[in-house]
């Protein structure tokens, strides 16, 4: 059961990295954060406003 849990968190971390990059945030940083925070990181990414470039 632990292996499935790890695969799920890894997959979620990859998805969160893509979401973060779409909002002009660091995909790698959010990938690492997602490994520890899991679904909480997803919620944070969705609720945070995109970073404005310029």
N, C-alpha and C. Protein backbone atom coordinates (compact mmCIF):
# COMPACT_ATOMS: atom_id res chain seq x y z
N UNK A 1 0.82 -1.20 0.00
CA UNK A 1 0.00 0.00 0.00
C UNK A 1 0.86 1.26 0.00
N UNK A 2 2.01 1.24 0.61
CA UNK A 2 2.87 2.43 0.65
C UNK A 2 3.38 2.81 -0.73
N UNK A 3 3.59 1.82 -1.59
CA UNK A 3 4.08 2.12 -2.93
C UNK A 3 3.04 2.90 -3.73
N UNK A 4 1.79 2.52 -3.62
CA UNK A 4 0.73 3.23 -4.32
C UNK A 4 0.61 4.66 -3.82
N UNK A 5 0.81 4.85 -2.52
CA UNK A 5 0.76 6.18 -1.92
C UNK A 5 1.88 7.05 -2.49
N UNK A 6 3.06 6.50 -2.61
CA UNK A 6 4.21 7.24 -3.14
C UNK A 6 4.00 7.58 -4.61
N UNK A 7 3.47 6.66 -5.38
CA UNK A 7 3.20 6.91 -6.80
C UNK A 7 2.14 8.00 -6.95
N UNK A 8 1.14 7.98 -6.10
CA UNK A 8 0.10 9.00 -6.15
C UNK A 8 0.64 10.39 -5.82
N UNK A 9 1.48 10.47 -4.79
CA UNK A 9 2.05 11.77 -4.43
C UNK A 9 3.01 12.25 -5.51
N UNK A 10 3.75 11.34 -6.12
CA UNK A 10 4.65 11.73 -7.21
C UNK A 10 3.90 12.26 -8.41
N UNK A 11 2.82 11.60 -8.75
CA UNK A 11 1.99 12.05 -9.87
C UNK A 11 1.36 13.41 -9.57
N UNK A 12 0.86 13.56 -8.35
CA UNK A 12 0.27 14.85 -7.95
C UNK A 12 1.31 15.95 -7.98
N UNK A 13 2.54 15.65 -7.58
CA UNK A 13 3.61 16.64 -7.60
C UNK A 13 3.91 17.09 -9.03
N UNK A 14 3.89 16.18 -9.98
CA UNK A 14 4.11 16.54 -11.38
C UNK A 14 2.98 17.42 -11.91
N UNK A 15 1.77 17.08 -11.56
CA UNK A 15 0.62 17.89 -11.98
C UNK A 15 0.71 19.28 -11.37
N UNK A 16 1.07 19.35 -10.11
CA UNK A 16 1.19 20.65 -9.44
C UNK A 16 2.30 21.49 -10.05
N UNK A 17 3.38 20.87 -10.47
CA UNK A 17 4.46 21.61 -11.12
C UNK A 17 3.95 22.24 -12.41
N UNK A 18 3.17 21.52 -13.17
CA UNK A 18 2.58 22.06 -14.40
C UNK A 18 1.61 23.19 -14.11
N UNK A 19 0.79 23.03 -13.07
CA UNK A 19 -0.13 24.10 -12.68
C UNK A 19 0.63 25.36 -12.26
N UNK A 20 1.69 25.18 -11.50
CA UNK A 20 2.48 26.31 -11.03
C UNK A 20 3.11 27.04 -12.20
N UNK A 21 3.66 26.30 -13.16
CA UNK A 21 4.29 26.94 -14.32
C UNK A 21 3.26 27.70 -15.15
N UNK A 22 2.05 27.21 -15.20
CA UNK A 22 1.02 27.91 -15.96
C UNK A 22 0.65 29.24 -15.30
N UNK A 23 0.98 29.39 -14.01
CA UNK A 23 0.74 30.64 -13.29
C UNK A 23 2.04 31.43 -13.08
N UNK A 24 3.04 31.16 -13.92
CA UNK A 24 4.33 31.84 -13.87
C UNK A 24 5.04 31.69 -12.52
N UNK A 25 4.90 30.54 -11.90
CA UNK A 25 5.58 30.23 -10.65
C UNK A 25 6.60 29.13 -10.91
N UNK A 26 7.51 28.93 -9.98
CA UNK A 26 8.55 27.93 -10.14
C UNK A 26 7.96 26.51 -10.07
N UNK A 27 8.03 25.82 -11.17
CA UNK A 27 7.52 24.45 -11.21
C UNK A 27 8.31 23.52 -10.30
N UNK A 28 9.64 23.70 -10.29
CA UNK A 28 10.49 22.83 -9.47
C UNK A 28 10.22 23.04 -7.98
N UNK A 29 10.09 24.28 -7.57
CA UNK A 29 9.82 24.57 -6.15
C UNK A 29 8.48 23.99 -5.72
N UNK A 30 7.48 24.13 -6.57
CA UNK A 30 6.17 23.59 -6.24
C UNK A 30 6.15 22.07 -6.32
N UNK A 31 6.98 21.50 -7.19
CA UNK A 31 7.12 20.04 -7.23
C UNK A 31 7.62 19.54 -5.87
N UNK A 32 8.67 20.17 -5.37
CA UNK A 32 9.23 19.77 -4.07
C UNK A 32 8.23 20.00 -2.94
N UNK A 33 7.56 21.14 -2.97
CA UNK A 33 6.57 21.43 -1.94
C UNK A 33 5.44 20.40 -1.98
N UNK A 34 5.06 20.00 -3.17
CA UNK A 34 3.96 19.04 -3.33
C UNK A 34 4.32 17.66 -2.80
N UNK A 35 5.59 17.32 -2.85
CA UNK A 35 6.00 16.02 -2.30
C UNK A 35 5.74 15.97 -0.80
N UNK A 36 5.82 17.11 -0.13
CA UNK A 36 5.61 17.16 1.31
C UNK A 36 4.17 17.53 1.68
N UNK A 37 3.56 18.41 0.91
CA UNK A 37 2.23 18.92 1.26
C UNK A 37 1.08 18.20 0.56
N UNK A 38 1.37 17.59 -0.57
CA UNK A 38 0.35 16.85 -1.30
C UNK A 38 -0.81 17.71 -1.75
N UNK A 39 -2.03 17.30 -1.44
CA UNK A 39 -3.22 18.02 -1.90
C UNK A 39 -3.31 19.46 -1.38
N UNK A 40 -2.68 19.74 -0.26
CA UNK A 40 -2.69 21.11 0.26
C UNK A 40 -1.97 22.04 -0.71
N UNK A 41 -0.88 21.56 -1.31
CA UNK A 41 -0.15 22.36 -2.29
C UNK A 41 -1.03 22.62 -3.51
N UNK A 42 -1.80 21.64 -3.92
CA UNK A 42 -2.71 21.82 -5.05
C UNK A 42 -3.71 22.94 -4.75
N UNK A 43 -4.27 22.92 -3.57
CA UNK A 43 -5.21 23.95 -3.17
C UNK A 43 -4.55 25.33 -3.18
N UNK A 44 -3.33 25.42 -2.67
CA UNK A 44 -2.62 26.70 -2.65
C UNK A 44 -2.36 27.22 -4.05
N UNK A 45 -1.93 26.34 -4.95
CA UNK A 45 -1.65 26.76 -6.33
C UNK A 45 -2.92 27.28 -7.00
N UNK A 46 -4.00 26.58 -6.79
CA UNK A 46 -5.26 26.98 -7.42
C UNK A 46 -5.75 28.32 -6.88
N UNK A 47 -5.57 28.55 -5.58
CA UNK A 47 -6.08 29.77 -4.97
C UNK A 47 -5.18 30.99 -5.19
N UNK A 48 -3.88 30.78 -5.39
CA UNK A 48 -2.97 31.91 -5.58
C UNK A 48 -3.15 32.52 -6.96
N UNK A 49 -3.03 33.83 -7.01
CA UNK A 49 -3.11 34.54 -8.29
C UNK A 49 -1.83 34.31 -9.09
N UNK A 50 -1.92 34.36 -10.41
CA UNK A 50 -0.71 34.24 -11.23
C UNK A 50 0.26 35.39 -10.96
N UNK A 51 1.54 35.11 -11.12
CA UNK A 51 2.58 36.12 -10.97
C UNK A 51 2.64 36.92 -12.26
N UNK A 52 2.61 38.24 -12.13
CA UNK A 52 2.67 39.10 -13.31
C UNK A 52 4.13 39.29 -13.72
N UNK A 53 4.41 39.11 -14.98
CA UNK A 53 5.76 39.35 -15.48
C UNK A 53 5.89 40.80 -15.88
N UNK A 54 7.05 41.34 -15.62
CA UNK A 54 7.22 42.69 -16.11
C UNK A 54 8.00 43.47 -15.18
